Amino acid sequence: MKKHDEKRDYIRMTAECEVSFTDPESSLRHHGLSKNLSGKGILFETSKAVEAGTLVELTVSPENTSTPPLHALVEIVRSTPTADPTIFSVAASIKEILP
């Protein structure tokens, strides 16, 4: 097994792809850009603040068409404003991979 300094269960990979997610309250679709991805979570930026504990359906759409999109149910862990107060950095835990 390869050793690494990462303290998490899974190594985070840089993954700058389009993401979209459904707001459970309004059923509106919001968009953003993923920053990194691991086996258990994702970090993405979006203009929509999402409350911690919220479950959303999220789709990650890679630019490379040979890689299929990731469709998952995720739980928001935190949503914090970036240097640009109109953009939020959102961390989410992957709860279930959806078909």
N, C-alpha and C. Protein backbone atom coordinates (compact mmCIF):
# COMPACT_ATOMS: atom_id res chain seq x y z
N MET A 1 0.84 -1.18 0.00
CA MET A 1 0.00 0.00 0.00
C MET A 1 0.88 1.24 0.00
N LYS A 2 0.51 2.21 -0.78
CA LYS A 2 1.27 3.44 -0.90
C LYS A 2 1.02 4.34 0.30
N LYS A 3 2.11 4.85 0.90
CA LYS A 3 1.97 5.75 2.05
C LYS A 3 1.82 7.18 1.55
N HIS A 4 1.07 7.98 2.31
CA HIS A 4 0.91 9.39 1.97
C HIS A 4 0.68 10.17 3.25
N ASP A 5 0.90 11.49 3.19
CA ASP A 5 0.78 12.36 4.36
C ASP A 5 -0.66 12.76 4.65
N GLU A 6 -1.55 12.48 3.75
CA GLU A 6 -2.97 12.83 3.90
C GLU A 6 -3.55 12.11 5.11
N LYS A 7 -4.26 12.83 5.96
CA LYS A 7 -4.86 12.24 7.16
C LYS A 7 -6.26 11.69 6.90
N ARG A 8 -6.83 12.02 5.76
CA ARG A 8 -8.17 11.54 5.42
C ARG A 8 -8.13 10.09 4.98
N ASP A 9 -9.29 9.45 4.96
CA ASP A 9 -9.38 8.07 4.50
C ASP A 9 -9.06 7.94 3.02
N TYR A 10 -9.38 8.96 2.23
CA TYR A 10 -9.17 8.95 0.79
C TYR A 10 -8.40 10.20 0.37
N ILE A 11 -7.50 10.05 -0.56
CA ILE A 11 -6.74 11.19 -1.09
C ILE A 11 -7.68 12.07 -1.90
N ARG A 12 -7.54 13.38 -1.75
CA ARG A 12 -8.32 14.32 -2.55
C ARG A 12 -7.61 14.55 -3.88
N MET A 13 -8.39 14.54 -4.94
CA MET A 13 -7.85 14.80 -6.28
C MET A 13 -8.40 16.12 -6.77
N THR A 14 -7.55 16.91 -7.40
CA THR A 14 -8.03 18.13 -8.04
C THR A 14 -8.97 17.72 -9.16
N ALA A 15 -10.14 18.31 -9.17
CA ALA A 15 -11.14 17.95 -10.18
C ALA A 15 -11.96 19.20 -10.48
N GLU A 16 -11.50 19.99 -11.42
CA GLU A 16 -12.23 21.20 -11.78
C GLU A 16 -13.19 20.88 -12.92
N CYS A 17 -14.43 20.60 -12.53
CA CYS A 17 -15.49 20.23 -13.46
C CYS A 17 -16.76 21.00 -13.10
N GLU A 18 -17.66 21.07 -14.05
CA GLU A 18 -18.97 21.66 -13.76
C GLU A 18 -19.74 20.77 -12.81
N VAL A 19 -20.42 21.38 -11.86
CA VAL A 19 -21.32 20.65 -10.98
C VAL A 19 -22.69 21.31 -11.05
N SER A 20 -23.71 20.54 -10.78
CA SER A 20 -25.05 21.09 -10.63
C SER A 20 -25.72 20.34 -9.49
N PHE A 21 -26.59 21.04 -8.81
CA PHE A 21 -27.29 20.40 -7.69
C PHE A 21 -28.69 20.98 -7.58
N THR A 22 -29.58 20.17 -7.02
CA THR A 22 -30.97 20.57 -6.86
C THR A 22 -31.20 21.06 -5.45
N ASP A 23 -31.75 22.25 -5.33
CA ASP A 23 -32.13 22.81 -4.04
C ASP A 23 -33.38 22.07 -3.58
N PRO A 24 -33.33 21.36 -2.43
CA PRO A 24 -34.49 20.57 -2.01
C PRO A 24 -35.71 21.40 -1.65
N GLU A 25 -35.50 22.67 -1.28
CA GLU A 25 -36.65 23.51 -0.90
C GLU A 25 -37.41 24.04 -2.11
N SER A 26 -36.67 24.42 -3.16
CA SER A 26 -37.33 25.04 -4.30
C SER A 26 -37.33 24.17 -5.55
N SER A 27 -36.57 23.08 -5.54
CA SER A 27 -36.38 22.20 -6.69
C SER A 27 -35.66 22.90 -7.85
N LEU A 28 -35.09 24.08 -7.57
CA LEU A 28 -34.31 24.78 -8.59
C LEU A 28 -32.94 24.14 -8.73
N ARG A 29 -32.41 24.18 -9.94
CA ARG A 29 -31.09 23.62 -10.23
C ARG A 29 -30.07 24.75 -10.15
N HIS A 30 -28.99 24.53 -9.41
CA HIS A 30 -27.92 25.52 -9.27
C HIS A 30 -26.64 24.93 -9.85
N HIS A 31 -25.71 25.79 -10.23
CA HIS A 31 -24.49 25.34 -10.89
C HIS A 31 -23.27 25.87 -10.16
N GLY A 32 -22.15 25.20 -10.39
CA GLY A 32 -20.90 25.62 -9.77
C GLY A 32 -19.73 24.90 -10.41
N LEU A 33 -18.58 24.94 -9.72
CA LEU A 33 -17.35 24.34 -10.21
C LEU A 33 -16.71 23.54 -9.09
N SER A 34 -16.45 22.27 -9.35
CA SER A 34 -15.80 21.46 -8.32
C SER A 34 -14.35 21.88 -8.21
N LYS A 35 -13.80 21.73 -7.01
CA LYS A 35 -12.40 22.06 -6.75
C LYS A 35 -11.60 20.79 -6.50
N ASN A 36 -12.15 19.90 -5.68
CA ASN A 36 -11.51 18.61 -5.47
C ASN A 36 -12.54 17.57 -5.08
N LEU A 37 -12.11 16.32 -5.20
CA LEU A 37 -13.02 15.20 -5.03
C LEU A 37 -12.25 14.06 -4.37
N SER A 38 -12.90 13.35 -3.47
CA SER A 38 -12.30 12.16 -2.86
C SER A 38 -13.35 11.06 -2.86
N GLY A 39 -13.00 9.92 -2.29
CA GLY A 39 -13.94 8.81 -2.23
C GLY A 39 -15.12 9.07 -1.31
N LYS A 40 -14.98 10.06 -0.42
CA LYS A 40 -16.05 10.35 0.54
C LYS A 40 -16.63 11.75 0.44
N GLY A 41 -16.02 12.63 -0.35
CA GLY A 41 -16.52 13.99 -0.36
C GLY A 41 -16.11 14.81 -1.56
N ILE A 42 -16.63 16.03 -1.59
CA ILE A 42 -16.36 16.96 -2.68
C ILE A 42 -16.33 18.38 -2.13
N LEU A 43 -15.49 19.20 -2.73
CA LEU A 43 -15.46 20.63 -2.45
C LEU A 43 -15.78 21.34 -3.76
N PHE A 44 -16.76 22.23 -3.73
CA PHE A 44 -17.12 22.97 -4.94
C PHE A 44 -17.47 24.41 -4.59
N GLU A 45 -17.45 25.27 -5.60
CA GLU A 45 -17.82 26.67 -5.43
C GLU A 45 -19.08 26.95 -6.23
N THR A 46 -19.95 27.77 -5.64
CA THR A 46 -21.23 28.10 -6.26
C THR A 46 -21.71 29.44 -5.73
N SER A 47 -22.65 30.05 -6.40
CA SER A 47 -23.22 31.32 -5.95
C SER A 47 -24.35 31.10 -4.94
N LYS A 48 -24.71 29.86 -4.67
CA LYS A 48 -25.81 29.54 -3.76
C LYS A 48 -25.26 29.06 -2.42
N ALA A 49 -25.58 29.78 -1.34
CA ALA A 49 -25.22 29.30 0.00
C ALA A 49 -26.15 28.15 0.35
N VAL A 50 -25.60 27.09 0.91
CA VAL A 50 -26.40 25.92 1.26
C VAL A 50 -26.14 25.62 2.74
N GLU A 51 -27.21 25.44 3.49
CA GLU A 51 -27.09 25.22 4.92
C GLU A 51 -26.49 23.84 5.23
N ALA A 52 -25.57 23.81 6.20
CA ALA A 52 -24.97 22.55 6.64
C ALA A 52 -26.07 21.58 7.07
N GLY A 53 -25.90 20.32 6.73
CA GLY A 53 -26.88 19.29 7.06
C GLY A 53 -27.89 19.05 5.95
N THR A 54 -27.94 19.92 4.95
CA THR A 54 -28.87 19.77 3.84
C THR A 54 -28.42 18.64 2.92
N LEU A 55 -29.35 17.80 2.49
CA LEU A 55 -29.07 16.75 1.50
C LEU A 55 -29.46 17.27 0.13
N VAL A 56 -28.54 17.15 -0.83
CA VAL A 56 -28.83 17.57 -2.20
C VAL A 56 -28.36 16.49 -3.17
N GLU A 57 -29.03 16.44 -4.32
CA GLU A 57 -28.58 15.59 -5.42
C GLU A 57 -27.60 16.41 -6.23
N LEU A 58 -26.40 15.89 -6.41
CA LEU A 58 -25.32 16.62 -7.08
C LEU A 58 -24.84 15.82 -8.28
N THR A 59 -24.57 16.51 -9.37
CA THR A 59 -24.00 15.88 -10.56
C THR A 59 -22.70 16.58 -10.90
N VAL A 60 -21.64 15.79 -11.06
CA VAL A 60 -20.34 16.30 -11.51
C VAL A 60 -20.18 15.87 -12.95
N SER A 61 -19.97 16.85 -13.84
CA SER A 61 -19.88 16.57 -15.27
C SER A 61 -18.47 16.83 -15.77
N PRO A 62 -17.64 15.79 -15.91
CA PRO A 62 -16.28 15.97 -16.41
C PRO A 62 -16.26 16.48 -17.84
N GLU A 63 -15.23 17.25 -18.20
CA GLU A 63 -15.08 17.73 -19.57
C GLU A 63 -14.79 16.57 -20.52
N ASN A 64 -14.03 15.60 -20.03
CA ASN A 64 -13.66 14.45 -20.83
C ASN A 64 -14.86 13.52 -20.93
N THR A 65 -15.37 13.33 -22.12
CA THR A 65 -16.58 12.52 -22.30
C THR A 65 -16.35 11.02 -22.08
N SER A 66 -15.07 10.60 -21.99
CA SER A 66 -14.82 9.18 -21.72
C SER A 66 -15.00 8.86 -20.23
N THR A 67 -15.09 9.91 -19.40
CA THR A 67 -15.36 9.72 -17.97
C THR A 67 -16.84 10.02 -17.73
N PRO A 68 -17.57 9.06 -17.17
CA PRO A 68 -19.01 9.30 -16.96
C PRO A 68 -19.25 10.32 -15.84
N PRO A 69 -20.39 11.01 -15.88
CA PRO A 69 -20.73 11.94 -14.81
C PRO A 69 -20.92 11.19 -13.49
N LEU A 70 -20.70 11.90 -12.41
CA LEU A 70 -20.97 11.37 -11.08
C LEU A 70 -22.29 11.96 -10.62
N HIS A 71 -23.22 11.11 -10.25
CA HIS A 71 -24.52 11.55 -9.75
C HIS A 71 -24.63 10.99 -8.34
N ALA A 72 -24.75 11.87 -7.33
CA ALA A 72 -24.71 11.40 -5.95
C ALA A 72 -25.62 12.21 -5.05
N LEU A 73 -26.01 11.58 -3.95
CA LEU A 73 -26.70 12.26 -2.87
C LEU A 73 -25.61 12.68 -1.89
N VAL A 74 -25.52 13.98 -1.61
CA VAL A 74 -24.48 14.48 -0.72
C VAL A 74 -25.10 15.27 0.42
N GLU A 75 -24.40 15.28 1.55
CA GLU A 75 -24.81 16.09 2.69
C GLU A 75 -23.83 17.25 2.82
N ILE A 76 -24.36 18.46 2.87
CA ILE A 76 -23.52 19.64 3.00
C ILE A 76 -22.90 19.67 4.39
N VAL A 77 -21.59 19.82 4.43
CA VAL A 77 -20.85 19.88 5.69
C VAL A 77 -20.66 21.34 6.11
N ARG A 78 -20.30 22.18 5.13
CA ARG A 78 -20.15 23.62 5.40
C ARG A 78 -20.27 24.40 4.10
N SER A 79 -20.64 25.66 4.24
CA SER A 79 -20.77 26.59 3.11
C SER A 79 -20.26 27.94 3.59
N THR A 80 -19.11 28.36 3.09
CA THR A 80 -18.50 29.60 3.56
C THR A 80 -18.22 30.53 2.38
N PRO A 81 -18.37 31.85 2.60
CA PRO A 81 -18.07 32.79 1.52
C PRO A 81 -16.56 32.77 1.20
N THR A 82 -16.24 32.97 -0.07
CA THR A 82 -14.85 33.06 -0.50
C THR A 82 -14.44 34.54 -0.44
N ALA A 83 -13.28 34.86 -1.02
CA ALA A 83 -12.84 36.26 -1.09
C ALA A 83 -13.86 37.10 -1.85
N ASP A 84 -14.55 36.47 -2.79
CA ASP A 84 -15.67 37.10 -3.50
C ASP A 84 -16.93 36.72 -2.72
N PRO A 85 -17.55 37.68 -2.01
CA PRO A 85 -18.69 37.33 -1.15
C PRO A 85 -19.92 36.79 -1.88
N THR A 86 -19.93 36.81 -3.20
CA THR A 86 -21.05 36.24 -3.95
C THR A 86 -20.83 34.77 -4.29
N ILE A 87 -19.65 34.26 -3.96
CA ILE A 87 -19.30 32.86 -4.24
C ILE A 87 -19.05 32.14 -2.92
N PHE A 88 -19.61 30.94 -2.79
CA PHE A 88 -19.47 30.14 -1.58
C PHE A 88 -18.65 28.89 -1.85
N SER A 89 -17.79 28.56 -0.92
CA SER A 89 -17.03 27.32 -0.96
C SER A 89 -17.85 26.31 -0.16
N VAL A 90 -18.26 25.23 -0.83
CA VAL A 90 -19.18 24.26 -0.21
C VAL A 90 -18.49 22.90 -0.12
N ALA A 91 -18.41 22.37 1.10
CA ALA A 91 -17.87 21.03 1.31
C ALA A 91 -19.04 20.10 1.57
N ALA A 92 -18.99 18.93 0.94
CA ALA A 92 -20.09 17.97 1.08
C ALA A 92 -19.54 16.56 1.22
N SER A 93 -20.27 15.76 1.97
CA SER A 93 -19.94 14.36 2.20
C SER A 93 -20.83 13.50 1.29
N ILE A 94 -20.21 12.59 0.53
CA ILE A 94 -20.98 11.72 -0.36
C ILE A 94 -21.67 10.64 0.46
N LYS A 95 -22.99 10.61 0.39
CA LYS A 95 -23.78 9.63 1.14
C LYS A 95 -24.18 8.42 0.31
N GLU A 96 -24.45 8.66 -0.98
CA GLU A 96 -24.90 7.57 -1.85
C GLU A 96 -24.62 7.94 -3.31
N ILE A 97 -24.11 6.98 -4.06
CA ILE A 97 -23.96 7.16 -5.50
C ILE A 97 -25.28 6.77 -6.14
N LEU A 98 -25.82 7.66 -6.97
CA LEU A 98 -27.12 7.44 -7.60
C LEU A 98 -26.94 6.98 -9.04
N PRO A 99 -27.93 6.25 -9.57
CA PRO A 99 -27.82 5.77 -10.97
C PRO A 99 -27.94 6.92 -11.96
